[in-house]
Amino acid sequence: MVEIMGDLRSDNGDALRAWSVAGMGLSLRETWHAAEELRSGALVRVMPEWAEPATPIQAVHVQRDPVPPRIGAFVVDETPSLYPHPGTSVR
């Protein structure tokens, strides 16, 4: 996704977050990506009643039998915490 802030355009989340913190405009960011800035007050949510429609996260990895423990642990343990919403499934 490319976001526009005045004359600036980027699809880099870190750049968009930095520009927002610098007061250069608004940005649609994932809550986890701006969590520290939200906690510190460097960023504030300007439309708390609105939320972007949910988008599923997919974990893609090379198929191996058995699945390496680190891959299985990430998919089962971390994916729901990155994207916790009703209907999330892990396969």
PDB file of N, CA and C in Angstrom:
ATOM      1  N   MET A   1       0.856  -1.173   0.000  1.00  0.00           N
ATOM      2  CA  MET A   1       0.000   0.000   0.000  1.00  0.00           C
ATOM      3  C   MET A   1       0.900   1.234   0.000  1.00  0.00           C
ATOM      4  N   VAL A   2       0.614   2.160  -0.830  1.00  0.00           N
ATOM      5  CA  VAL A   2       1.347   3.428  -0.869  1.00  0.00           C
ATOM      6  C   VAL A   2       0.481   4.479  -0.197  1.00  0.00           C
ATOM      7  N   GLU A   3       1.062   5.167   0.745  1.00  0.00           N
ATOM      8  CA  GLU A   3       0.355   6.253   1.413  1.00  0.00           C
ATOM      9  C   GLU A   3       0.991   7.573   1.026  1.00  0.00           C
ATOM     10  N   ILE A   4       0.158   8.601   0.996  1.00  0.00           N
ATOM     11  CA  ILE A   4       0.608   9.934   0.588  1.00  0.00           C
ATOM     12  C   ILE A   4       0.497  10.882   1.780  1.00  0.00           C
ATOM     13  N   MET A   5       1.550  11.604   2.052  1.00  0.00           N
ATOM     14  CA  MET A   5       1.569  12.614   3.102  1.00  0.00           C
ATOM     15  C   MET A   5       2.073  13.899   2.466  1.00  0.00           C
ATOM     16  N   GLY A   6       1.152  14.733   2.046  1.00  0.00           N
ATOM     17  CA  GLY A   6       1.566  15.950   1.342  1.00  0.00           C
ATOM     18  C   GLY A   6       2.251  15.582   0.047  1.00  0.00           C
ATOM     19  N   ASP A   7       3.509  16.004  -0.102  1.00  0.00           N
ATOM     20  CA  ASP A   7       4.281  15.673  -1.302  1.00  0.00           C
ATOM     21  C   ASP A   7       5.060  14.368  -1.156  1.00  0.00           C
ATOM     22  N   LEU A   8       4.963  13.730  -0.003  1.00  0.00           N
ATOM     23  CA  LEU A   8       5.720  12.504   0.255  1.00  0.00           C
ATOM     24  C   LEU A   8       4.859  11.275  -0.023  1.00  0.00           C
ATOM     25  N   ARG A   9       5.473  10.247  -0.604  1.00  0.00           N
ATOM     26  CA  ARG A   9       4.791   8.987  -0.876  1.00  0.00           C
ATOM     27  C   ARG A   9       5.705   7.848  -0.444  1.00  0.00           C
ATOM     28  N   SER A  10       5.125   6.822   0.179  1.00  0.00           N
ATOM     29  CA  SER A  10       5.942   5.687   0.593  1.00  0.00           C
ATOM     30  C   SER A  10       5.082   4.460   0.810  1.00  0.00           C
ATOM     31  N   ASP A  11       5.700   3.300   0.636  1.00  0.00           N
ATOM     32  CA  ASP A  11       5.082   2.048   1.045  1.00  0.00           C
ATOM     33  C   ASP A  11       5.930   1.404   2.150  1.00  0.00           C
ATOM     34  N   ASN A  12       6.788   2.210   2.766  1.00  0.00           N
ATOM     35  CA  ASN A  12       7.648   1.756   3.856  1.00  0.00           C
ATOM     36  C   ASN A  12       7.027   2.173   5.177  1.00  0.00           C
ATOM     37  N   GLY A  13       6.612   1.202   5.971  1.00  0.00           N
ATOM     38  CA  GLY A  13       5.948   1.480   7.234  1.00  0.00           C
ATOM     39  C   GLY A  13       6.794   2.278   8.212  1.00  0.00           C
ATOM     40  N   ASP A  14       8.100   2.022   8.231  1.00  0.00           N
ATOM     41  CA  ASP A  14       8.974   2.766   9.144  1.00  0.00           C
ATOM     42  C   ASP A  14       9.038   4.240   8.762  1.00  0.00           C
ATOM     43  N   ALA A  15       9.113   4.516   7.468  1.00  0.00           N
ATOM     44  CA  ALA A  15       9.143   5.909   7.011  1.00  0.00           C
ATOM     45  C   ALA A  15       7.820   6.604   7.342  1.00  0.00           C
ATOM     46  N   LEU A  16       6.710   5.929   7.087  1.00  0.00           N
ATOM     47  CA  LEU A  16       5.405   6.518   7.378  1.00  0.00           C
ATOM     48  C   LEU A  16       5.242   6.813   8.863  1.00  0.00           C
ATOM     49  N   ARG A  17       5.686   5.876   9.702  1.00  0.00           N
ATOM     50  CA  ARG A  17       5.604   6.087  11.151  1.00  0.00           C
ATOM     51  C   ARG A  17       6.459   7.286  11.552  1.00  0.00           C
ATOM     52  N   ALA A  18       7.670   7.375  11.034  1.00  0.00           N
ATOM     53  CA  ALA A  18       8.568   8.492  11.365  1.00  0.00           C
ATOM     54  C   ALA A  18       7.977   9.823  10.912  1.00  0.00           C
ATOM     55  N   TRP A  19       7.400   9.859   9.713  1.00  0.00           N
ATOM     56  CA  TRP A  19       6.793  11.095   9.227  1.00  0.00           C
ATOM     57  C   TRP A  19       5.604  11.494  10.087  1.00  0.00           C
ATOM     58  N   SER A  20       4.823  10.509  10.516  1.00  0.00           N
ATOM     59  CA  SER A  20       3.669  10.814  11.384  1.00  0.00           C
ATOM     60  C   SER A  20       4.141  11.369  12.724  1.00  0.00           C
ATOM     61  N   VAL A  21       5.151  10.748  13.306  1.00  0.00           N
ATOM     62  CA  VAL A  21       5.691  11.226  14.586  1.00  0.00           C
ATOM     63  C   VAL A  21       6.237  12.638  14.434  1.00  0.00           C
ATOM     64  N   ALA A  22       6.803  12.938  13.273  1.00  0.00           N
ATOM     65  CA  ALA A  22       7.354  14.274  13.018  1.00  0.00           C
ATOM     66  C   ALA A  22       6.264  15.301  12.725  1.00  0.00           C
ATOM     67  N   GLY A  23       5.003  14.863  12.722  1.00  0.00           N
ATOM     68  CA  GLY A  23       3.906  15.792  12.497  1.00  0.00           C
ATOM     69  C   GLY A  23       3.670  16.137  11.041  1.00  0.00           C
ATOM     70  N   MET A  24       4.104  15.264  10.142  1.00  0.00           N
ATOM     71  CA  MET A  24       4.008  15.561   8.714  1.00  0.00           C
ATOM     72  C   MET A  24       2.712  15.052   8.080  1.00  0.00           C
ATOM     73  N   GLY A  25       1.850  14.417   8.856  1.00  0.00           N
ATOM     74  CA  GLY A  25       0.590  13.949   8.300  1.00  0.00           C
ATOM     75  C   GLY A  25       0.049  12.742   9.039  1.00  0.00           C
ATOM     76  N   LEU A  26      -1.010  12.172   8.480  1.00  0.00           N
ATOM     77  CA  LEU A  26      -1.657  10.994   9.039  1.00  0.00           C
ATOM     78  C   LEU A  26      -1.224   9.757   8.273  1.00  0.00           C
ATOM     79  N   SER A  27      -1.267   8.625   8.951  1.00  0.00           N
ATOM     80  CA  SER A  27      -0.897   7.374   8.307  1.00  0.00           C
ATOM     81  C   SER A  27      -1.768   6.254   8.855  1.00  0.00           C
ATOM     82  N   LEU A  28      -2.159   5.346   7.995  1.00  0.00           N
ATOM     83  CA  LEU A  28      -2.896   4.159   8.402  1.00  0.00           C
ATOM     84  C   LEU A  28      -1.874   3.085   8.708  1.00  0.00           C
ATOM     85  N   ARG A  29      -1.702   2.780   9.979  1.00  0.00           N
ATOM     86  CA  ARG A  29      -0.681   1.823  10.417  1.00  0.00           C
ATOM     87  C   ARG A  29      -1.339   0.728  11.224  1.00  0.00           C
ATOM     88  N   GLU A  30      -0.712  -0.436  11.245  1.00  0.00           N
ATOM     89  CA  GLU A  30      -1.129  -1.505  12.134  1.00  0.00           C
ATOM     90  C   GLU A  30      -0.823  -1.054  13.563  1.00  0.00           C
ATOM     91  N   THR A  31      -1.714  -1.401  14.492  1.00  0.00           N
ATOM     92  CA  THR A  31      -1.516  -0.986  15.884  1.00  0.00           C
ATOM     93  C   THR A  31      -0.187  -1.491  16.424  1.00  0.00           C
ATOM     94  N   TRP A  32       0.174  -2.740  16.109  1.00  0.00           N
ATOM     95  CA  TRP A  32       1.425  -3.289  16.629  1.00  0.00           C
ATOM     96  C   TRP A  32       2.628  -2.544  16.070  1.00  0.00           C
ATOM     97  N   HIS A  33       2.509  -1.965  14.875  1.00  0.00           N
ATOM     98  CA  HIS A  33       3.644  -1.284  14.257  1.00  0.00           C
ATOM     99  C   HIS A  33       3.904   0.087  14.882  1.00  0.00           C
ATOM    100  N   ALA A  34       2.898   0.649  15.528  1.00  0.00           N
ATOM    101  CA  ALA A  34       3.058   1.965  16.155  1.00  0.00           C
ATOM    102  C   ALA A  34       2.797   1.887  17.658  1.00  0.00           C
ATOM    103  N   ALA A  35       2.865   0.690  18.230  1.00  0.00           N
ATOM    104  CA  ALA A  35       2.499   0.487  19.636  1.00  0.00           C
ATOM    105  C   ALA A  35       3.307   1.368  20.592  1.00  0.00           C
ATOM    106  N   GLU A  36       4.595   1.438  20.409  1.00  0.00           N
ATOM    107  CA  GLU A  36       5.440   2.232  21.320  1.00  0.00           C
ATOM    108  C   GLU A  36       5.094   3.713  21.227  1.00  0.00           C
ATOM    109  N   GLU A  37       4.891   4.205  20.021  1.00  0.00           N
ATOM    110  CA  GLU A  37       4.551   5.615  19.834  1.00  0.00           C
ATOM    111  C   GLU A  37       3.167   5.926  20.388  1.00  0.00           C
ATOM    112  N   LEU A  38       2.238   4.994  20.283  1.00  0.00           N
ATOM    113  CA  LEU A  38       0.908   5.179  20.868  1.00  0.00           C
ATOM    114  C   LEU A  38       0.995   5.199  22.395  1.00  0.00           C
ATOM    115  N   ARG A  39       1.793   4.270  22.964  1.00  0.00           N
ATOM    116  CA  ARG A  39       1.958   4.227  24.432  1.00  0.00           C
ATOM    117  C   ARG A  39       2.587   5.513  24.960  1.00  0.00           C
ATOM    118  N   SER A  40       3.584   6.026  24.239  1.00  0.00           N
ATOM    119  CA  SER A  40       4.312   7.210  24.709  1.00  0.00           C
ATOM    120  C   SER A  40       3.552   8.508  24.460  1.00  0.00           C
ATOM    121  N   GLY A  41       2.536   8.459  23.593  1.00  0.00           N
ATOM    122  CA  GLY A  41       1.804   9.666  23.254  1.00  0.00           C
ATOM    123  C   GLY A  41       2.381  10.410  22.054  1.00  0.00           C
ATOM    124  N   ALA A  42       3.457   9.857  21.461  1.00  0.00           N
ATOM    125  CA  ALA A  42       4.033  10.483  20.271  1.00  0.00           C
ATOM    126  C   ALA A  42       3.045  10.436  19.104  1.00  0.00           C
ATOM    127  N   LEU A  43       2.202   9.404  19.091  1.00  0.00           N
ATOM    128  CA  LEU A  43       1.121   9.292  18.112  1.00  0.00           C
ATOM    129  C   LEU A  43      -0.192   9.102  18.856  1.00  0.00           C
ATOM    130  N   VAL A  44      -1.261   9.597  18.269  1.00  0.00           N
ATOM    131  CA  VAL A  44      -2.600   9.383  18.836  1.00  0.00           C
ATOM    132  C   VAL A  44      -3.511   8.870  17.721  1.00  0.00           C
ATOM    133  N   ARG A  45      -4.453   8.051  18.103  1.00  0.00           N
ATOM    134  CA  ARG A  45      -5.426   7.556  17.139  1.00  0.00           C
ATOM    135  C   ARG A  45      -6.461   8.652  16.920  1.00  0.00           C
ATOM    136  N   VAL A  46      -6.649   9.059  15.676  1.00  0.00           N
ATOM    137  CA  VAL A  46      -7.530  10.193  15.395  1.00  0.00           C
ATOM    138  C   VAL A  46      -8.969   9.788  15.083  1.00  0.00           C
ATOM    139  N   MET A  47      -9.215   8.536  14.748  1.00  0.00           N
ATOM    140  CA  MET A  47     -10.571   8.068  14.465  1.00  0.00           C
ATOM    141  C   MET A  47     -10.802   6.737  15.186  1.00  0.00           C
ATOM    142  N   PRO A  48     -10.894   6.751  16.525  1.00  0.00           N
ATOM    143  CA  PRO A  48     -10.981   5.487  17.271  1.00  0.00           C
ATOM    144  C   PRO A  48     -12.232   4.669  16.973  1.00  0.00           C
ATOM    145  N   GLU A  49     -13.278   5.301  16.453  1.00  0.00           N
ATOM    146  CA  GLU A  49     -14.506   4.559  16.159  1.00  0.00           C
ATOM    147  C   GLU A  49     -14.427   3.812  14.831  1.00  0.00           C
ATOM    148  N   TRP A  50     -13.407   4.055  14.017  1.00  0.00           N
ATOM    149  CA  TRP A  50     -13.276   3.438  12.710  1.00  0.00           C
ATOM    150  C   TRP A  50     -12.154   2.405  12.737  1.00  0.00           C
ATOM    151  N   ALA A  51     -12.346   1.312  12.017  1.00  0.00           N
ATOM    152  CA  ALA A  51     -11.291   0.310  11.862  1.00  0.00           C
ATOM    153  C   ALA A  51     -11.289  -0.176  10.425  1.00  0.00           C
ATOM    154  N   GLU A  52     -10.111  -0.388   9.888  1.00  0.00           N
ATOM    155  CA  GLU A  52      -9.996  -0.943   8.550  1.00  0.00           C
ATOM    156  C   GLU A  52     -10.480  -2.386   8.582  1.00  0.00           C
ATOM    157  N   PRO A  53     -11.131  -2.863   7.535  1.00  0.00           N
ATOM    158  CA  PRO A  53     -11.557  -4.267   7.514  1.00  0.00           C
ATOM    159  C   PRO A  53     -10.374  -5.202   7.739  1.00  0.00           C
ATOM    160  N   ALA A  54     -10.626  -6.279   8.461  1.00  0.00           N
ATOM    161  CA  ALA A  54      -9.577  -7.243   8.794  1.00  0.00           C
ATOM    162  C   ALA A  54      -9.015  -7.900   7.538  1.00  0.00           C
ATOM    163  N   THR A  55      -7.713  -8.149   7.555  1.00  0.00           N
ATOM    164  CA  THR A  55      -7.022  -8.835   6.477  1.00  0.00           C
ATOM    165  C   THR A  55      -6.276 -10.017   7.077  1.00  0.00           C
ATOM    166  N   PRO A  56      -6.492 -11.204   6.562  1.00  0.00           N
ATOM    167  CA  PRO A  56      -5.820 -12.369   7.157  1.00  0.00           C
ATOM    168  C   PRO A  56      -4.315 -12.365   6.900  1.00  0.00           C
ATOM    169  N   ILE A  57      -3.584 -12.951   7.828  1.00  0.00           N
ATOM    170  CA  ILE A  57      -2.145 -13.158   7.685  1.00  0.00           C
ATOM    171  C   ILE A  57      -1.942 -14.609   7.288  1.00  0.00           C
ATOM    172  N   GLN A  58      -1.054 -14.848   6.347  1.00  0.00           N
ATOM    173  CA  GLN A  58      -0.741 -16.206   5.941  1.00  0.00           C
ATOM    174  C   GLN A  58       0.730 -16.470   6.192  1.00  0.00           C
ATOM    175  N   ALA A  59       1.025 -17.603   6.782  1.00  0.00           N
ATOM    176  CA  ALA A  59       2.411 -18.023   6.983  1.00  0.00           C
ATOM    177  C   ALA A  59       2.742 -19.012   5.877  1.00  0.00           C
ATOM    178  N   VAL A  60       3.725 -18.674   5.055  1.00  0.00           N
ATOM    179  CA  VAL A  60       4.128 -19.529   3.947  1.00  0.00           C
ATOM    180  C   VAL A  60       5.534 -20.026   4.241  1.00  0.00           C
ATOM    181  N   HIS A  61       5.708 -21.339   4.173  1.00  0.00           N
ATOM    182  CA  HIS A  61       7.024 -21.913   4.425  1.00  0.00           C
ATOM    183  C   HIS A  61       7.202 -23.151   3.548  1.00  0.00           C
ATOM    184  N   VAL A  62       8.443 -23.580   3.389  1.00  0.00           N
ATOM    185  CA  VAL A  62       8.745 -24.781   2.614  1.00  0.00           C
ATOM    186  C   VAL A  62       8.131 -25.966   3.338  1.00  0.00           C
ATOM    187  N   GLN A  63       7.467 -26.824   2.571  1.00  0.00           N
ATOM    188  CA  GLN A  63       6.838 -27.996   3.186  1.00  0.00           C
ATOM    189  C   GLN A  63       7.909 -29.019   3.514  1.00  0.00           C
ATOM    190  N   ARG A  64       7.955 -29.385   4.773  1.00  0.00           N
ATOM    191  CA  ARG A  64       8.877 -30.418   5.243  1.00  0.00           C
ATOM    192  C   ARG A  64       8.097 -31.319   6.180  1.00  0.00           C
ATOM    193  N   ASP A  65       8.491 -32.562   6.213  1.00  0.00           N
ATOM    194  CA  ASP A  65       7.865 -33.492   7.144  1.00  0.00           C
ATOM    195  C   ASP A  65       8.966 -34.113   7.979  1.00  0.00           C
ATOM    196  N   PRO A  66       9.040 -33.830   9.231  1.00  0.00           N
ATOM    197  CA  PRO A  66       8.107 -33.010  10.014  1.00  0.00           C
ATOM    198  C   PRO A  66       8.414 -31.525   9.862  1.00  0.00           C
ATOM    199  N   VAL A  67       7.440 -30.706  10.231  1.00  0.00           N
ATOM    200  CA  VAL A  67       7.629 -29.253  10.221  1.00  0.00           C
ATOM    201  C   VAL A  67       8.657 -28.910  11.298  1.00  0.00           C
ATOM    202  N   PRO A  68       9.696 -28.122  10.965  1.00  0.00           N
ATOM    203  CA  PRO A  68      10.678 -27.750  11.983  1.00  0.00           C
ATOM    204  C   PRO A  68       9.989 -27.089  13.187  1.00  0.00           C
ATOM    205  N   PRO A  69      10.395 -27.424  14.399  1.00  0.00           N
ATOM    206  CA  PRO A  69       9.735 -26.882  15.590  1.00  0.00           C
ATOM    207  C   PRO A  69       9.639 -25.364  15.623  1.00  0.00           C
ATOM    208  N   ARG A  70      10.667 -24.658  15.159  1.00  0.00           N
ATOM    209  CA  ARG A  70      10.616 -23.192  15.204  1.00  0.00           C
ATOM    210  C   ARG A  70       9.513 -22.648  14.297  1.00  0.00           C
ATOM    211  N   ILE A  71       9.275 -23.312  13.142  1.00  0.00           N
ATOM    212  CA  ILE A  71       8.212 -22.870  12.232  1.00  0.00           C
ATOM    213  C   ILE A  71       6.853 -23.176  12.852  1.00  0.00           C
ATOM    214  N   GLY A  72       6.662 -24.370  13.331  1.00  0.00           N
ATOM    215  CA  GLY A  72       5.393 -24.737  13.959  1.00  0.00           C
ATOM    216  C   GLY A  72       5.079 -23.864  15.153  1.00  0.00           C
ATOM    217  N   ALA A  73       6.086 -23.565  15.965  1.00  0.00           N
ATOM    218  CA  ALA A  73       5.863 -22.721  17.150  1.00  0.00           C
ATOM    219  C   ALA A  73       5.447 -21.325  16.735  1.00  0.00           C
ATOM    220  N   PHE A  74       6.072 -20.760  15.703  1.00  0.00           N
ATOM    221  CA  PHE A  74       5.697 -19.420  15.254  1.00  0.00           C
ATOM    222  C   PHE A  74       4.260 -19.403  14.739  1.00  0.00           C
ATOM    223  N   VAL A  75       3.936 -20.328  13.853  1.00  0.00           N
ATOM    224  CA  VAL A  75       2.608 -20.344  13.245  1.00  0.00           C
ATOM    225  C   VAL A  75       1.529 -20.538  14.299  1.00  0.00           C
ATOM    226  N   VAL A  76       1.709 -21.465  15.208  1.00  0.00           N
ATOM    227  CA  VAL A  76       0.684 -21.757  16.208  1.00  0.00           C
ATOM    228  C   VAL A  76       0.651 -20.714  17.313  1.00  0.00           C
ATOM    229  N   ASP A  77       1.820 -20.284  17.796  1.00  0.00           N
ATOM    230  CA  ASP A  77       1.872 -19.403  18.964  1.00  0.00           C
ATOM    231  C   ASP A  77       1.832 -17.919  18.617  1.00  0.00           C
ATOM    232  N   GLU A  78       2.474 -17.489  17.547  1.00  0.00           N
ATOM    233  CA  GLU A  78       2.634 -16.067  17.274  1.00  0.00           C
ATOM    234  C   GLU A  78       1.611 -15.490  16.309  1.00  0.00           C
ATOM    235  N   THR A  79       1.230 -16.234  15.299  1.00  0.00           N
ATOM    236  CA  THR A  79       0.332 -15.674  14.297  1.00  0.00           C
ATOM    237  C   THR A  79      -0.958 -15.134  14.904  1.00  0.00           C
ATOM    238  N   PRO A  80      -1.651 -15.867  15.795  1.00  0.00           N
ATOM    239  CA  PRO A  80      -2.877 -15.288  16.383  1.00  0.00           C
ATOM    240  C   PRO A  80      -2.612 -14.016  17.190  1.00  0.00           C
ATOM    241  N   SER A  81      -1.448 -13.905  17.836  1.00  0.00           N
ATOM    242  CA  SER A  81      -1.177 -12.697  18.616  1.00  0.00           C
ATOM    243  C   SER A  81      -0.872 -11.509  17.709  1.00  0.00           C
ATOM    244  N   LEU A  82      -0.368 -11.757  16.506  1.00  0.00           N
ATOM    245  CA  LEU A  82      -0.140 -10.667  15.568  1.00  0.00           C
ATOM    246  C   LEU A  82      -1.449 -10.179  14.969  1.00  0.00           C
ATOM    247  N   TYR A  83      -2.399 -11.076  14.874  1.00  0.00           N
ATOM    248  CA  TYR A  83      -3.642 -10.733  14.203  1.00  0.00           C
ATOM    249  C   TYR A  83      -4.826 -11.383  14.918  1.00  0.00           C
ATOM    250  N   PRO A  84      -5.109 -10.942  16.155  1.00  0.00           N
ATOM    251  CA  PRO A  84      -6.170 -11.600  16.914  1.00  0.00           C
ATOM    252  C   PRO A  84      -7.552 -11.072  16.511  1.00  0.00           C
ATOM    253  N   HIS A  85      -8.312 -11.850  15.808  1.00  0.00           N
ATOM    254  CA  HIS A  85      -9.685 -11.474  15.510  1.00  0.00           C
ATOM    255  C   HIS A  85     -10.502 -12.749  15.329  1.00  0.00           C
ATOM    256  N   PRO A  86     -11.788 -12.665  15.539  1.00  0.00           N
ATOM    257  CA  PRO A  86     -12.636 -13.853  15.375  1.00  0.00           C
ATOM    258  C   PRO A  86     -12.498 -14.413  13.967  1.00  0.00           C
ATOM    259  N   GLY A  87     -12.414 -15.713  13.884  1.00  0.00           N
ATOM    260  CA  GLY A  87     -12.315 -16.355  12.591  1.00  0.00           C
ATOM    261  C   GLY A  87     -10.892 -16.661  12.172  1.00  0.00           C
ATOM    262  N   THR A  88      -9.893 -16.257  12.963  1.00  0.00           N
ATOM    263  CA  THR A  88      -8.511 -16.578  12.620  1.00  0.00           C
ATOM    264  C   THR A  88      -8.321 -18.081  12.709  1.00  0.00           C
ATOM    265  N   SER A  89      -7.713 -18.655  11.711  1.00  0.00           N
ATOM    266  CA  SER A  89      -7.432 -20.077  11.767  1.00  0.00           C
ATOM    267  C   SER A  89      -5.972 -20.303  11.424  1.00  0.00           C
ATOM    268  N   VAL A  90      -5.406 -21.324  12.003  1.00  0.00           N
ATOM    269  CA  VAL A  90      -4.027 -21.683  11.738  1.00  0.00           C
ATOM    270  C   VAL A  90      -4.048 -23.094  11.165  1.00  0.00           C
ATOM    271  N   ARG A  91      -3.487 -23.247   9.963  1.00  0.00           N
ATOM    272  CA  ARG A  91      -3.446 -24.569   9.321  1.00  0.00           C
ATOM    273  C   ARG A  91      -2.023 -24.998   9.153  1.00  0.00           C
TER     274      ARG A  91
END
